[in-house]
Structures are given as C-alpha cells and as structure tokens.
C-alpha cells in the first residue's frame, strides 16, 4: 500500500458516518464502469483467507 493510499484511508477513518457514506457513494459511481481484469484464483483465495482471519479475530473479541 502506498503512502498516499494510507493517508486517504486515515482521512476516511476520521470522517463522520455521513461523510463516509458520501465518499463511498462517489467512489462507487466513479469505479462502476472501470474495466478491471478478472481476479486470479490465487487472488480470490488470498482475499478469502484474509477475510476469514479477520472474522475469526472479531468473533474472538465477542467471546
């Protein structure tokens, strides 16, 4: 992750809920028609693994 992306995410974290919603909607509008290459099986597995690990961590916090 680049420093600029990290800075954008840090700024996003400081926004109010309403501002976050506005930003997310605008980003979705701008990216809806971009021509992204399909994800590889490796990318899909890696993302799924990361998601499940995060869910496990959240689950452990509630126990």
C-alpha atoms as a PDB file:
ATOM      1  CA  UNK A   1       0.000   0.000   0.000  1.00  0.00           C
ATOM      2  CA  UNK A   2       1.399   3.363  -0.948  1.00  0.00           C
ATOM      3  CA  UNK A   3       1.770   6.259   1.467  1.00  0.00           C
ATOM      4  CA  UNK A   4      -0.900   8.201  -0.421  1.00  0.00           C
ATOM      5  CA  UNK A   5      -3.404   5.353  -0.117  1.00  0.00           C
ATOM      6  CA  UNK A   6      -2.622   5.014   3.602  1.00  0.00           C
ATOM      7  CA  UNK A   7      -3.172   8.767   4.021  1.00  0.00           C
ATOM      8  CA  UNK A   8      -6.525   8.562   2.225  1.00  0.00           C
ATOM      9  CA  UNK A   9      -7.608   5.677   4.457  1.00  0.00           C
ATOM     10  CA  UNK A  10      -6.523   7.535   7.586  1.00  0.00           C
ATOM     11  CA  UNK A  11      -8.538  10.554   6.454  1.00  0.00           C
ATOM     12  CA  UNK A  12     -11.514   8.302   5.725  1.00  0.00           C
ATOM     13  CA  UNK A  13     -11.328   6.937   9.279  1.00  0.00           C
ATOM     14  CA  UNK A  14     -11.639  10.480  10.651  1.00  0.00           C
ATOM     15  CA  UNK A  15     -14.796  11.306   8.678  1.00  0.00           C
ATOM     16  CA  UNK A  16     -18.265  11.288  10.163  1.00  0.00           C
ATOM     17  CA  UNK A  17     -20.602   8.479   9.137  1.00  0.00           C
ATOM     18  CA  UNK A  18     -22.463  10.810   6.774  1.00  0.00           C
ATOM     19  CA  UNK A  19     -19.216  11.941   5.144  1.00  0.00           C
ATOM     20  CA  UNK A  20     -18.069   8.347   4.756  1.00  0.00           C
ATOM     21  CA  UNK A  21     -21.319   7.454   3.049  1.00  0.00           C
ATOM     22  CA  UNK A  22     -20.976  10.408   0.676  1.00  0.00           C
ATOM     23  CA  UNK A  23     -17.418   9.411  -0.170  1.00  0.00           C
ATOM     24  CA  UNK A  24     -18.221   5.737  -0.696  1.00  0.00           C
ATOM     25  CA  UNK A  25     -21.137   6.575  -2.988  1.00  0.00           C
ATOM     26  CA  UNK A  26     -18.962   8.894  -5.061  1.00  0.00           C
ATOM     27  CA  UNK A  27     -16.179   6.310  -5.348  1.00  0.00           C
ATOM     28  CA  UNK A  28     -18.671   3.647  -6.425  1.00  0.00           C
ATOM     29  CA  UNK A  29     -20.070   5.968  -9.099  1.00  0.00           C
ATOM     30  CA  UNK A  30     -16.583   6.633 -10.447  1.00  0.00           C
ATOM     31  CA  UNK A  31     -15.449   2.999 -10.430  1.00  0.00           C
ATOM     32  CA  UNK A  32     -18.612   1.208 -11.570  1.00  0.00           C
ATOM     33  CA  UNK A  33     -17.604   1.185 -15.224  1.00  0.00           C
ATOM     34  CA  UNK A  34     -13.843   0.739 -14.976  1.00  0.00           C
ATOM     35  CA  UNK A  35     -12.526  -2.219 -16.924  1.00  0.00           C
ATOM     36  CA  UNK A  36     -10.707  -4.250 -14.269  1.00  0.00           C
ATOM     37  CA  UNK A  37      -9.011  -7.504 -15.246  1.00  0.00           C
ATOM     38  CA  UNK A  38     -10.549 -10.603 -13.663  1.00  0.00           C
ATOM     39  CA  UNK A  39      -9.064 -11.759 -10.364  1.00  0.00           C
ATOM     40  CA  UNK A  40      -6.894 -14.858 -10.441  1.00  0.00           C
ATOM     41  CA  UNK A  41      -7.742 -17.892  -8.335  1.00  0.00           C
ATOM     42  CA  UNK A  42      -4.742 -17.041  -6.158  1.00  0.00           C
ATOM     43  CA  UNK A  43      -6.069 -13.502  -5.568  1.00  0.00           C
ATOM     44  CA  UNK A  44      -9.510 -14.830  -4.661  1.00  0.00           C
ATOM     45  CA  UNK A  45      -8.088 -17.393  -2.220  1.00  0.00           C
ATOM     46  CA  UNK A  46      -5.804 -14.818  -0.603  1.00  0.00           C
ATOM     47  CA  UNK A  47      -8.655 -12.350  -0.146  1.00  0.00           C
ATOM     48  CA  UNK A  48     -10.975 -15.029   1.222  1.00  0.00           C
ATOM     49  CA  UNK A  49      -8.303 -16.163   3.678  1.00  0.00           C
ATOM     50  CA  UNK A  50      -7.754 -12.603   4.893  1.00  0.00           C
ATOM     51  CA  UNK A  51     -11.496 -12.082   5.303  1.00  0.00           C
ATOM     52  CA  UNK A  52     -11.944 -15.285   7.305  1.00  0.00           C
ATOM     53  CA  UNK A  53      -8.990 -14.424   9.546  1.00  0.00           C
ATOM     54  CA  UNK A  54     -10.492 -11.001  10.253  1.00  0.00           C
ATOM     55  CA  UNK A  55     -13.865 -12.592  11.033  1.00  0.00           C
ATOM     56  CA  UNK A  56     -12.163 -15.057  13.397  1.00  0.00           C
ATOM     57  CA  UNK A  57     -10.481 -12.156  15.198  1.00  0.00           C
ATOM     58  CA  UNK A  58     -13.792 -10.301  15.560  1.00  0.00           C
ATOM     59  CA  UNK A  59     -15.505 -13.449  16.776  1.00  0.00           C
ATOM     60  CA  UNK A  60     -12.790 -13.994  19.389  1.00  0.00           C
ATOM     61  CA  UNK A  61     -13.367 -10.481  20.732  1.00  0.00           C
ATOM     62  CA  UNK A  62     -17.040 -11.256  21.401  1.00  0.00           C
ATOM     63  CA  UNK A  63     -16.352 -14.471  23.296  1.00  0.00           C
END
